PDB file of N, CA and C in Angstrom:
ATOM      1  N   MET A   1    -131.176-116.882  16.192  1.00  0.00           N
ATOM      2  CA  MET A   1    -130.485-116.905  15.154  1.00  0.00           C
ATOM      3  C   MET A   1    -131.544-115.822  13.814  1.00  0.00           C
ATOM      4  N   SER A   2    -131.447-115.050  13.157  1.00  0.00           N
ATOM      5  CA  SER A   2    -132.568-114.559  12.434  1.00  0.00           C
ATOM      6  C   SER A   2    -132.166-115.223  10.646  1.00  0.00           C
ATOM      7  N   PHE A   3    -133.292-114.768  10.339  1.00  0.00           N
ATOM      8  CA  PHE A   3    -133.886-115.415   8.892  1.00  0.00           C
ATOM      9  C   PHE A   3    -132.550-115.358   8.029  1.00  0.00           C
ATOM     10  N   LEU A   4    -131.949-114.615   7.642  1.00  0.00           N
ATOM     11  CA  LEU A   4    -130.405-114.043   6.951  1.00  0.00           C
ATOM     12  C   LEU A   4    -129.476-114.722   7.321  1.00  0.00           C
ATOM     13  N   ASN A   5    -129.776-114.412   8.778  1.00  0.00           N
ATOM     14  CA  ASN A   5    -128.637-115.110   9.385  1.00  0.00           C
ATOM     15  C   ASN A   5    -128.489-116.539   8.971  1.00  0.00           C
ATOM     16  N   SER A   6    -129.029-117.269   9.285  1.00  0.00           N
ATOM     17  CA  SER A   6    -129.357-118.896   8.608  1.00  0.00           C
ATOM     18  C   SER A   6    -129.940-118.773   7.091  1.00  0.00           C
ATOM     19  N   LEU A   7    -129.817-118.132   6.161  1.00  0.00           N
ATOM     20  CA  LEU A   7    -129.898-118.183   4.915  1.00  0.00           C
ATOM     21  C   LEU A   7    -127.837-117.651   4.396  1.00  0.00           C
ATOM     22  N   PHE A   8    -127.601-116.836   5.052  1.00  0.00           N
ATOM     23  CA  PHE A   8    -126.074-116.386   4.677  1.00  0.00           C
ATOM     24  C   PHE A   8    -125.276-116.705   5.708  1.00  0.00           C
ATOM     25  N   GLY A   9    -125.626-117.577   6.716  1.00  0.00           N
ATOM     26  CA  GLY A   9    -124.572-117.405   7.835  1.00  0.00           C
ATOM     27  C   GLY A   9    -124.240-116.238   8.413  1.00  0.00           C
ATOM     28  N   ASP A  10    -123.789-116.618   9.661  1.00  0.00           N
ATOM     29  CA  ASP A  10    -123.145-115.200  10.325  1.00  0.00           C
ATOM     30  C   ASP A  10    -121.754-115.031  10.150  1.00  0.00           C
ATOM     31  N   LYS A  11    -121.563-114.197  10.039  1.00  0.00           N
ATOM     32  CA  LYS A  11    -120.340-113.454   9.329  1.00  0.00           C
ATOM     33  C   LYS A  11    -119.411-113.233  10.357  1.00  0.00           C
ATOM     34  N   SER A  12    -119.639-113.060  11.716  1.00  0.00           N
ATOM     35  CA  SER A  12    -118.247-113.737  12.452  1.00  0.00           C
ATOM     36  C   SER A  12    -117.713-114.620  13.504  1.00  0.00           C
ATOM     37  N   LYS A  13    -118.832-115.642  12.519  1.00  0.00           N
ATOM     38  CA  LYS A  13    -118.371-117.255  12.165  1.00  0.00           C
ATOM     39  C   LYS A  13    -118.192-117.509  10.760  1.00  0.00           C
ATOM     40  N   LEU A  14    -117.240-117.961  10.570  1.00  0.00           N
ATOM     41  CA  LEU A  14    -117.278-118.278   8.845  1.00  0.00           C
ATOM     42  C   LEU A  14    -117.085-120.010   8.675  1.00  0.00           C
ATOM     43  N   SER A  15    -116.552-120.819  10.380  1.00  0.00           N
ATOM     44  CA  SER A  15    -116.510-121.793  10.362  1.00  0.00           C
ATOM     45  C   SER A  15    -116.685-122.811  11.625  1.00  0.00           C
ATOM     46  N   ASP A  16    -116.296-123.817  12.189  1.00  0.00           N
ATOM     47  CA  ASP A  16    -116.448-123.665  13.304  1.00  0.00           C
ATOM     48  C   ASP A  16    -114.881-123.648  13.597  1.00  0.00           C
ATOM     49  N   GLU A  17    -113.835-123.965  12.730  1.00  0.00           N
ATOM     50  CA  GLU A  17    -112.300-123.675  13.616  1.00  0.00           C
ATOM     51  C   GLU A  17    -112.407-122.641  12.753  1.00  0.00           C
ATOM     52  N   ILE A  18    -112.481-121.261  12.082  1.00  0.00           N
ATOM     53  CA  ILE A  18    -112.813-119.632  12.128  1.00  0.00           C
ATOM     54  C   ILE A  18    -113.779-118.498  12.289  1.00  0.00           C
ATOM     55  N   GLU A  19    -113.173-117.547  14.027  1.00  0.00           N
ATOM     56  CA  GLU A  19    -113.699-117.168  14.360  1.00  0.00           C
ATOM     57  C   GLU A  19    -113.697-115.556  14.575  1.00  0.00           C
ATOM     58  N   ILE A  20    -114.064-114.740  13.625  1.00  0.00           N
ATOM     59  CA  ILE A  20    -113.730-113.276  13.530  1.00  0.00           C
ATOM     60  C   ILE A  20    -113.899-112.673  15.423  1.00  0.00           C
ATOM     61  N   LEU A  21    -113.073-112.243  15.512  1.00  0.00           N
ATOM     62  CA  LEU A  21    -113.038-110.979  16.997  1.00  0.00           C
ATOM     63  C   LEU A  21    -112.951-109.722  16.832  1.00  0.00           C
ATOM     64  N   ASP A  22    -113.745-108.959  17.237  1.00  0.00           N
ATOM     65  CA  ASP A  22    -114.086-107.148  17.646  1.00  0.00           C
ATOM     66  C   ASP A  22    -112.456-107.087  18.678  1.00  0.00           C
ATOM     67  N   VAL A  23    -111.829-105.575  18.497  1.00  0.00           N
ATOM     68  CA  VAL A  23    -110.693-105.441  18.630  1.00  0.00           C
ATOM     69  C   VAL A  23    -110.752-105.554  20.576  1.00  0.00           C
ATOM     70  N   ALA A  24    -112.043-104.925  21.476  1.00  0.00           N
ATOM     71  CA  ALA A  24    -112.242-105.642  22.790  1.00  0.00           C
ATOM     72  C   ALA A  24    -111.791-107.102  23.114  1.00  0.00           C
ATOM     73  N   THR A  25    -112.374-107.901  22.104  1.00  0.00           N
ATOM     74  CA  THR A  25    -112.410-109.718  22.643  1.00  0.00           C
ATOM     75  C   THR A  25    -110.914-109.740  22.571  1.00  0.00           C
ATOM     76  N   PHE A  26    -110.023-109.537  20.871  1.00  0.00           N
ATOM     77  CA  PHE A  26    -109.500-110.274  20.894  1.00  0.00           C
ATOM     78  C   PHE A  26    -108.036-109.813  21.586  1.00  0.00           C
ATOM     79  N   LYS A  27    -108.207-108.266  22.368  1.00  0.00           N
ATOM     80  CA  LYS A  27    -106.975-107.704  22.820  1.00  0.00           C
ATOM     81  C   LYS A  27    -106.800-108.550  24.586  1.00  0.00           C
ATOM     82  N   GLU A  28    -108.068-109.226  24.766  1.00  0.00           N
ATOM     83  CA  GLU A  28    -108.603-109.824  25.887  1.00  0.00           C
ATOM     84  C   GLU A  28    -107.826-111.354  26.327  1.00  0.00           C
ATOM     85  N   ALA A  29    -108.239-111.803  25.027  1.00  0.00           N
ATOM     86  CA  ALA A  29    -107.976-113.016  24.174  1.00  0.00           C
ATOM     87  C   ALA A  29    -106.431-113.074  25.004  1.00  0.00           C
ATOM     88  N   ILE A  30    -105.546-112.160  23.894  1.00  0.00           N
ATOM     89  CA  ILE A  30    -104.608-112.449  24.063  1.00  0.00           C
ATOM     90  C   ILE A  30    -104.112-111.760  24.740  1.00  0.00           C
ATOM     91  N   SER A  31    -104.517-111.354  26.255  1.00  0.00           N
ATOM     92  CA  SER A  31    -104.111-110.893  27.054  1.00  0.00           C
ATOM     93  C   SER A  31    -103.086-111.455  27.959  1.00  0.00           C
ATOM     94  N   LYS A  32    -103.806-113.417  27.803  1.00  0.00           N
ATOM     95  CA  LYS A  32    -103.085-114.523  28.390  1.00  0.00           C
ATOM     96  C   LYS A  32    -101.517-114.659  28.203  1.00  0.00           C
ATOM     97  N   LYS A  33    -101.519-115.835  28.951  1.00  0.00           N
ATOM     98  CA  LYS A  33    -100.152-115.744  28.424  1.00  0.00           C
ATOM     99  C   LYS A  33     -99.603-116.773  27.899  1.00  0.00           C
ATOM    100  N   ASP A  34     -98.424-116.963  26.772  1.00  0.00           N
ATOM    101  CA  ASP A  34     -98.457-118.149  26.103  1.00  0.00           C
ATOM    102  C   ASP A  34     -99.336-118.356  24.645  1.00  0.00           C
ATOM    103  N   VAL A  35     -99.761-117.211  24.271  1.00  0.00           N
ATOM    104  CA  VAL A  35    -100.946-117.259  23.104  1.00  0.00           C
ATOM    105  C   VAL A  35    -100.262-116.786  21.798  1.00  0.00           C
ATOM    106  N   GLN A  36    -100.434-117.888  20.324  1.00  0.00           N
ATOM    107  CA  GLN A  36    -100.172-118.162  19.437  1.00  0.00           C
ATOM    108  C   GLN A  36    -100.445-116.951  18.906  1.00  0.00           C
ATOM    109  N   LEU A  37     -99.915-115.798  18.385  1.00  0.00           N
ATOM    110  CA  LEU A  37    -100.545-114.436  18.160  1.00  0.00           C
ATOM    111  C   LEU A  37     -99.633-114.230  16.710  1.00  0.00           C
ATOM    112  N   VAL A  38     -99.950-114.307  15.918  1.00  0.00           N
ATOM    113  CA  VAL A  38     -99.670-114.490  14.306  1.00  0.00           C
ATOM    114  C   VAL A  38    -100.062-113.011  13.402  1.00  0.00           C
ATOM    115  N   ASP A  39     -98.811-112.409  13.313  1.00  0.00           N
ATOM    116  CA  ASP A  39     -99.274-111.277  12.480  1.00  0.00           C
ATOM    117  C   ASP A  39     -99.145-111.623  10.930  1.00  0.00           C
ATOM    118  N   VAL A  40     -99.525-111.565   9.684  1.00  0.00           N
ATOM    119  CA  VAL A  40     -99.730-112.158   8.265  1.00  0.00           C
ATOM    120  C   VAL A  40     -99.296-110.863   7.494  1.00  0.00           C
ATOM    121  N   ARG A  41     -98.760-110.058   7.996  1.00  0.00           N
ATOM    122  CA  ARG A  41     -99.056-109.003   7.074  1.00  0.00           C
ATOM    123  C   ARG A  41     -97.101-109.274   6.353  1.00  0.00           C
ATOM    124  N   THR A  42     -96.617-107.988   5.297  1.00  0.00           N
ATOM    125  CA  THR A  42     -94.826-108.179   5.046  1.00  0.00           C
ATOM    126  C   THR A  42     -94.198-107.560   6.438  1.00  0.00           C
ATOM    127  N   LYS A  43     -93.020-108.145   6.361  1.00  0.00           N
ATOM    128  CA  LYS A  43     -92.277-107.935   6.826  1.00  0.00           C
ATOM    129  C   LYS A  43     -91.956-105.714   7.084  1.00  0.00           C
ATOM    130  N   PHE A  44     -92.266-105.620   6.122  1.00  0.00           N
ATOM    131  CA  PHE A  44     -92.221-103.946   6.108  1.00  0.00           C
ATOM    132  C   PHE A  44     -93.249-103.708   6.548  1.00  0.00           C
ATOM    133  N   GLU A  45     -94.873-103.863   6.712  1.00  0.00           N
ATOM    134  CA  GLU A  45     -96.087-103.873   7.742  1.00  0.00           C
ATOM    135  C   GLU A  45     -95.900-103.889   9.006  1.00  0.00           C
ATOM    136  N   TYR A  46     -95.283-105.327   9.004  1.00  0.00           N
ATOM    137  CA  TYR A  46     -94.950-105.885  10.646  1.00  0.00           C
ATOM    138  C   TYR A  46     -93.698-105.021  11.163  1.00  0.00           C
ATOM    139  N   THR A  47     -92.773-104.595  11.048  1.00  0.00           N
ATOM    140  CA  THR A  47     -91.679-103.219  11.550  1.00  0.00           C
ATOM    141  C   THR A  47     -92.156-101.701  11.799  1.00  0.00           C
ATOM    142  N   SER A  48     -93.649-101.688  11.109  1.00  0.00           N
ATOM    143  CA  SER A  48     -94.099-100.417  11.082  1.00  0.00           C
ATOM    144  C   SER A  48     -94.461-100.514  12.021  1.00  0.00           C
ATOM    145  N   GLY A  49     -95.271-101.335  12.901  1.00  0.00           N
ATOM    146  CA  GLY A  49     -95.886-101.186  14.139  1.00  0.00           C
ATOM    147  C   GLY A  49     -96.477-102.894  13.847  1.00  0.00           C
ATOM    148  N   HIS A  50     -96.751-103.620  15.348  1.00  0.00           N
ATOM    149  CA  HIS A  50     -97.202-104.297  15.218  1.00  0.00           C
ATOM    150  C   HIS A  50     -97.693-104.525  16.719  1.00  0.00           C
ATOM    151  N   ILE A  51     -98.861-105.878  16.896  1.00  0.00           N
ATOM    152  CA  ILE A  51     -99.146-105.504  18.347  1.00  0.00           C
ATOM    153  C   ILE A  51     -97.844-106.067  19.146  1.00  0.00           C
ATOM    154  N   GLU A  52     -97.800-106.250  20.279  1.00  0.00           N
ATOM    155  CA  GLU A  52     -96.825-106.691  20.933  1.00  0.00           C
ATOM    156  C   GLU A  52     -96.830-108.555  21.284  1.00  0.00           C
ATOM    157  N   LYS A  53     -95.759-108.821  21.944  1.00  0.00           N
ATOM    158  CA  LYS A  53     -96.066-110.575  21.276  1.00  0.00           C
ATOM    159  C   LYS A  53     -95.983-111.158  20.010  1.00  0.00           C
ATOM    160  N   ALA A  54     -96.803-110.862  18.887  1.00  0.00           N
ATOM    161  CA  ALA A  54     -96.504-110.820  17.673  1.00  0.00           C
ATOM    162  C   ALA A  54     -96.138-111.733  16.717  1.00  0.00           C
ATOM    163  N   ILE A  55     -95.776-112.797  15.802  1.00  0.00           N
ATOM    164  CA  ILE A  55     -94.400-113.662  15.012  1.00  0.00           C
ATOM    165  C   ILE A  55     -94.894-112.747  14.064  1.00  0.00           C
ATOM    166  N   ASN A  56     -94.019-112.679  12.822  1.00  0.00           N
ATOM    167  CA  ASN A  56     -94.306-112.270  11.874  1.00  0.00           C
ATOM    168  C   ASN A  56     -94.061-113.282  11.148  1.00  0.00           C
ATOM    169  N   ILE A  57     -95.527-113.947   9.827  1.00  0.00           N
ATOM    170  CA  ILE A  57     -95.317-115.232   9.058  1.00  0.00           C
ATOM    171  C   ILE A  57     -96.006-114.038   7.777  1.00  0.00           C
ATOM    172  N   ASP A  58     -94.918-113.208   6.964  1.00  0.00           N
ATOM    173  CA  ASP A  58     -95.737-113.378   5.641  1.00  0.00           C
ATOM    174  C   ASP A  58     -96.568-114.266   4.635  1.00  0.00           C
ATOM    175  N   PHE A  59     -97.849-113.733   4.762  1.00  0.00           N
ATOM    176  CA  PHE A  59     -99.359-114.598   3.980  1.00  0.00           C
ATOM    177  C   PHE A  59     -98.510-114.885   2.897  1.00  0.00           C
ATOM    178  N   PHE A  60     -98.251-113.355   1.954  1.00  0.00           N
ATOM    179  CA  PHE A  60     -97.719-113.615   0.371  1.00  0.00           C
ATOM    180  C   PHE A  60     -96.620-114.793   0.223  1.00  0.00           C
ATOM    181  N   ASP A  61     -95.240-114.764   1.475  1.00  0.00           N
ATOM    182  CA  ASP A  61     -94.565-115.561   0.941  1.00  0.00           C
ATOM    183  C   ASP A  61     -94.717-117.193   1.073  1.00  0.00           C
ATOM    184  N   ARG A  62     -95.405-117.379   0.008  1.00  0.00           N
ATOM    185  CA  ARG A  62     -96.370-118.634  -0.192  1.00  0.00           C
ATOM    186  C   ARG A  62     -95.282-119.701  -0.156  1.00  0.00           C
ATOM    187  N   ALA A  63     -93.706-119.683  -0.490  1.00  0.00           N
ATOM    188  CA  ALA A  63     -92.619-120.707  -0.884  1.00  0.00           C
ATOM    189  C   ALA A  63     -92.117-121.383   1.095  1.00  0.00           C
ATOM    190  N   ASN A  64     -92.791-120.568   1.948  1.00  0.00           N
ATOM    191  CA  ASN A  64     -92.313-120.622   3.208  1.00  0.00           C
ATOM    192  C   ASN A  64     -94.163-120.553   4.269  1.00  0.00           C
ATOM    193  N   PHE A  65     -94.986-120.027   3.370  1.00  0.00           N
ATOM    194  CA  PHE A  65     -95.600-120.149   5.375  1.00  0.00           C
ATOM    195  C   PHE A  65     -96.307-121.214   5.430  1.00  0.00           C
ATOM    196  N   ASN A  66     -96.586-122.390   5.316  1.00  0.00           N
ATOM    197  CA  ASN A  66     -96.857-123.301   5.637  1.00  0.00           C
ATOM    198  C   ASN A  66     -95.657-123.840   6.792  1.00  0.00           C
ATOM    199  N   GLU A  67     -95.018-123.633   6.056  1.00  0.00           N
ATOM    200  CA  GLU A  67     -93.388-124.869   6.597  1.00  0.00           C
ATOM    201  C   GLU A  67     -93.170-123.718   7.696  1.00  0.00           C
ATOM    202  N   ASN A  68     -93.410-121.928   7.409  1.00  0.00           N
ATOM    203  CA  ASN A  68     -93.409-121.346   8.932  1.00  0.00           C
ATOM    204  C   ASN A  68     -94.164-121.262  10.487  1.00  0.00           C
ATOM    205  N   PHE A  69     -95.538-122.381   9.553  1.00  0.00           N
ATOM    206  CA  PHE A  69     -96.242-122.596  10.975  1.00  0.00           C
ATOM    207  C   PHE A  69     -96.102-124.357  11.692  1.00  0.00           C
ATOM    208  N   ALA A  70     -94.903-125.092  11.150  1.00  0.00           N
ATOM    209  CA  ALA A  70     -94.981-126.450  11.515  1.00  0.00           C
ATOM    210  C   ALA A  70     -94.719-126.982  13.591  1.00  0.00           C
ATOM    211  N   SER A  71     -93.639-125.020  14.088  1.00  0.00           N
ATOM    212  CA  SER A  71     -93.476-125.521  15.214  1.00  0.00           C
ATOM    213  C   SER A  71     -94.313-124.726  16.388  1.00  0.00           C
ATOM    214  N   PHE A  72     -96.180-124.977  15.467  1.00  0.00           N
ATOM    215  CA  PHE A  72     -97.038-124.129  16.300  1.00  0.00           C
ATOM    216  C   PHE A  72     -98.110-125.441  16.643  1.00  0.00           C
ATOM    217  N   ASP A  73     -98.869-125.475  18.220  1.00  0.00           N
ATOM    218  CA  ASP A  73     -99.319-126.337  18.545  1.00  0.00           C
ATOM    219  C   ASP A  73    -100.938-126.115  17.183  1.00  0.00           C
ATOM    220  N   ARG A  74    -101.522-127.061  16.865  1.00  0.00           N
ATOM    221  CA  ARG A  74    -101.892-126.995  16.071  1.00  0.00           C
ATOM    222  C   ARG A  74    -103.809-127.240  16.625  1.00  0.00           C
ATOM    223  N   GLU A  75    -103.446-127.407  18.094  1.00  0.00           N
ATOM    224  CA  GLU A  75    -104.839-128.198  19.252  1.00  0.00           C
ATOM    225  C   GLU A  75    -105.045-126.651  19.710  1.00  0.00           C
ATOM    226  N   LYS A  76    -104.198-126.045  20.141  1.00  0.00           N
ATOM    227  CA  LYS A  76    -104.251-124.963  20.633  1.00  0.00           C
ATOM    228  C   LYS A  76    -104.266-123.689  19.815  1.00  0.00           C
ATOM    229  N   PRO A  77    -105.407-122.875  20.551  1.00  0.00           N
ATOM    230  CA  PRO A  77    -106.032-121.194  19.097  1.00  0.00           C
ATOM    231  C   PRO A  77    -104.789-120.797  18.965  1.00  0.00           C
ATOM    232  N   ILE A  78    -104.809-120.007  17.229  1.00  0.00           N
ATOM    233  CA  ILE A  78    -103.917-119.131  17.250  1.00  0.00           C
ATOM    234  C   ILE A  78    -104.764-117.992  16.824  1.00  0.00           C
ATOM    235  N   TYR A  79    -104.425-116.777  16.842  1.00  0.00           N
ATOM    236  CA  TYR A  79    -104.972-115.621  16.712  1.00  0.00           C
ATOM    237  C   TYR A  79    -104.441-115.104  15.212  1.00  0.00           C
ATOM    238  N   LEU A  80    -104.794-114.364  14.622  1.00  0.00           N
ATOM    239  CA  LEU A  80    -103.998-113.570  13.614  1.00  0.00           C
ATOM    240  C   LEU A  80    -104.374-112.458  13.113  1.00  0.00           C
ATOM    241  N   TYR A  81    -104.340-111.882  12.394  1.00  0.00           N
ATOM    242  CA  TYR A  81    -104.294-110.047  12.071  1.00  0.00           C
ATOM    243  C   TYR A  81    -103.699-109.938  10.972  1.00  0.00           C
ATOM    244  N   CYS A  82    -103.882-108.730   9.969  1.00  0.00           N
ATOM    245  CA  CYS A  82    -103.068-108.746   8.861  1.00  0.00           C
ATOM    246  C   CYS A  82    -103.322-106.769   9.126  1.00  0.00           C
ATOM    247  N   ARG A  83    -103.368-106.565   7.355  1.00  0.00           N
ATOM    248  CA  ARG A  83    -103.983-105.004   7.996  1.00  0.00           C
ATOM    249  C   ARG A  83    -105.577-104.196   7.800  1.00  0.00           C
ATOM    250  N   SER A  84    -105.852-105.420   7.461  1.00  0.00           N
ATOM    251  CA  SER A  84    -107.431-105.053   7.382  1.00  0.00           C
ATOM    252  C   SER A  84    -108.720-106.152   7.278  1.00  0.00           C
ATOM    253  N   GLY A  85    -108.416-107.228   7.344  1.00  0.00           N
ATOM    254  CA  GLY A  85    -108.782-108.532   7.572  1.00  0.00           C
ATOM    255  C   GLY A  85    -108.440-109.497   6.640  1.00  0.00           C
ATOM    256  N   ASN A  86    -108.933-109.288   5.529  1.00  0.00           N
ATOM    257  CA  ASN A  86    -108.561-110.160   3.999  1.00  0.00           C
ATOM    258  C   ASN A  86    -107.231-110.852   4.274  1.00  0.00           C
ATOM    259  N   ARG A  87    -106.116-110.295   3.856  1.00  0.00           N
ATOM    260  CA  ARG A  87    -105.222-111.425   4.220  1.00  0.00           C
ATOM    261  C   ARG A  87    -105.556-112.854   4.982  1.00  0.00           C
ATOM    262  N   SER A  88    -105.544-112.095   6.269  1.00  0.00           N
ATOM    263  CA  SER A  88    -105.673-112.944   7.555  1.00  0.00           C
ATOM    264  C   SER A  88    -106.979-114.165   7.078  1.00  0.00           C
ATOM    265  N   GLN A  89    -108.201-114.039   6.843  1.00  0.00           N
ATOM    266  CA  GLN A  89    -109.164-114.797   6.425  1.00  0.00           C
ATOM    267  C   GLN A  89    -108.596-115.876   5.878  1.00  0.00           C
ATOM    268  N   ARG A  90    -108.032-115.277   4.422  1.00  0.00           N
ATOM    269  CA  ARG A  90    -107.209-116.626   3.604  1.00  0.00           C
ATOM    270  C   ARG A  90    -106.592-117.350   4.192  1.00  0.00           C
ATOM    271  N   ALA A  91    -105.053-116.865   5.218  1.00  0.00           N
ATOM    272  CA  ALA A  91    -104.423-117.052   6.009  1.00  0.00           C
ATOM    273  C   ALA A  91    -105.746-118.440   6.768  1.00  0.00           C
ATOM    274  N   ALA A  92    -106.819-118.012   7.644  1.00  0.00           N
ATOM    275  CA  ALA A  92    -107.092-119.008   8.195  1.00  0.00           C
ATOM    276  C   ALA A  92    -107.841-119.986   7.745  1.00  0.00           C
ATOM    277  N   LYS A  93    -107.768-119.629   6.387  1.00  0.00           N
ATOM    278  CA  LYS A  93    -108.345-121.091   5.565  1.00  0.00           C
ATOM    279  C   LYS A  93    -106.950-121.754   5.383  1.00  0.00           C
ATOM    280  N   LYS A  94    -106.111-121.728   4.998  1.00  0.00           N
ATOM    281  CA  LYS A  94    -104.732-122.456   5.078  1.00  0.00           C
ATOM    282  C   LYS A  94    -104.553-123.350   5.947  1.00  0.00           C
ATOM    283  N   LEU A  95    -104.565-122.734   7.260  1.00  0.00           N
ATOM    284  CA  LEU A  95    -104.092-122.949   8.533  1.00  0.00           C
ATOM    285  C   LEU A  95    -105.901-124.437   8.618  1.00  0.00           C
ATOM    286  N   VAL A  96    -106.262-123.867   8.970  1.00  0.00           N
ATOM    287  CA  VAL A  96    -107.395-125.237   8.674  1.00  0.00           C
ATOM    288  C   VAL A  96    -106.795-126.460   7.808  1.00  0.00           C
ATOM    289  N   ALA A  97    -107.062-125.522   6.116  1.00  0.00           N
ATOM    290  CA  ALA A  97    -106.429-126.681   5.372  1.00  0.00           C
ATOM    291  C   ALA A  97    -105.358-127.854   6.568  1.00  0.00           C
ATOM    292  N   ASN A  98    -104.288-127.027   6.960  1.00  0.00           N
ATOM    293  CA  ASN A  98    -103.065-127.924   7.689  1.00  0.00           C
ATOM    294  C   ASN A  98    -103.417-128.375   9.081  1.00  0.00           C
ATOM    295  N   GLY A  99    -104.079-128.646   9.089  1.00  0.00           N
ATOM    296  CA  GLY A  99    -105.080-129.216  10.244  1.00  0.00           C
ATOM    297  C   GLY A  99    -105.459-128.109  12.015  1.00  0.00           C
ATOM    298  N   PHE A 100    -104.910-126.862  12.050  1.00  0.00           N
ATOM    299  CA  PHE A 100    -105.265-126.237  13.128  1.00  0.00           C
ATOM    300  C   PHE A 100    -106.528-125.887  13.638  1.00  0.00           C
ATOM    301  N   GLN A 101    -106.884-126.044  14.796  1.00  0.00           N
ATOM    302  CA  GLN A 101    -108.637-126.878  15.064  1.00  0.00           C
ATOM    303  C   GLN A 101    -109.143-125.502  15.867  1.00  0.00           C
ATOM    304  N   LYS A 102    -108.659-123.985  15.836  1.00  0.00           N
ATOM    305  CA  LYS A 102    -109.528-123.021  16.509  1.00  0.00           C
ATOM    306  C   LYS A 102    -108.458-121.481  16.177  1.00  0.00           C
ATOM    307  N   ILE A 103    -108.768-121.095  15.447  1.00  0.00           N
ATOM    308  CA  ILE A 103    -108.725-119.846  14.511  1.00  0.00           C
ATOM    309  C   ILE A 103    -109.229-118.552  14.757  1.00  0.00           C
ATOM    310  N   TYR A 104    -108.664-117.812  15.855  1.00  0.00           N
ATOM    311  CA  TYR A 104    -108.931-116.595  15.908  1.00  0.00           C
ATOM    312  C   TYR A 104    -108.870-115.639  15.118  1.00  0.00           C
ATOM    313  N   ASP A 105    -109.891-114.447  14.371  1.00  0.00           N
ATOM    314  CA  ASP A 105    -109.132-113.885  13.385  1.00  0.00           C
ATOM    315  C   ASP A 105    -109.546-111.990  13.977  1.00  0.00           C
ATOM    316  N   LEU A 106    -109.134-110.779  13.779  1.00  0.00           N
ATOM    317  CA  LEU A 106    -109.224-109.760  14.347  1.00  0.00           C
ATOM    318  C   LEU A 106    -109.743-109.093  13.102  1.00  0.00           C
ATOM    319  N   LYS A 107    -111.395-108.616  13.766  1.00  0.00           N
ATOM    320  CA  LYS A 107    -112.294-107.949  12.658  1.00  0.00           C
ATOM    321  C   LYS A 107    -111.544-106.706  12.553  1.00  0.00           C
ATOM    322  N   GLY A 108    -110.643-106.580  11.170  1.00  0.00           N
ATOM    323  CA  GLY A 108    -110.352-104.442  10.417  1.00  0.00           C
ATOM    324  C   GLY A 108    -109.356-104.945  10.986  1.00  0.00           C
ATOM    325  N   GLY A 109    -108.501-106.057  11.602  1.00  0.00           N
ATOM    326  CA  GLY A 109    -107.404-106.023  11.586  1.00  0.00           C
ATOM    327  C   GLY A 109    -106.300-105.057  11.935  1.00  0.00           C
ATOM    328  N   TYR A 110    -104.729-104.585  11.580  1.00  0.00           N
ATOM    329  CA  TYR A 110    -103.971-103.850  12.315  1.00  0.00           C
ATOM    330  C   TYR A 110    -104.501-102.299  12.007  1.00  0.00           C
ATOM    331  N   LYS A 111    -105.206-101.924  11.521  1.00  0.00           N
ATOM    332  CA  LYS A 111    -106.402-100.858  11.213  1.00  0.00           C
ATOM    333  C   LYS A 111    -107.059-100.696  12.293  1.00  0.00           C
ATOM    334  N   ALA A 112    -107.884-101.533  12.418  1.00  0.00           N
ATOM    335  CA  ALA A 112    -108.580-101.050  13.228  1.00  0.00           C
ATOM    336  C   ALA A 112    -107.925-101.207  14.881  1.00  0.00           C
ATOM    337  N   TRP A 113    -107.289-101.476  15.143  1.00  0.00           N
ATOM    338  CA  TRP A 113    -106.228-102.181  16.257  1.00  0.00           C
ATOM    339  C   TRP A 113    -105.974-100.786  16.872  1.00  0.00           C
ATOM    340  N   LYS A 114    -105.238 -99.840  16.334  1.00  0.00           N
ATOM    341  CA  LYS A 114    -104.260 -98.959  16.031  1.00  0.00           C
ATOM    342  C   LYS A 114    -105.391 -97.607  16.622  1.00  0.00           C
TER     343      LYS A 114
END
């Protein structure tokens, strides 16, 4: 670990629960069966194009956001993405607060995926 990483932390790992994956690693990880894959963009963004098998849970739907994750397995990894990576980071932090143990976030979001 470099001196700067020891001071400021490695940006690819925000906490023990949240890890940011590059497109290739994310793509390989979600190719496995029975993966919890969530697109946290708006319904309009989702219908304009999304990663196959992703479930849409709009981060901005504050009233239902936590409730929409109620049926997910908190002990199983969850894979998140948004447009560029900002919303999914915020969503990941909310999920950690709600007891999710491992969250993988797509670096650069759907923009990087395309």
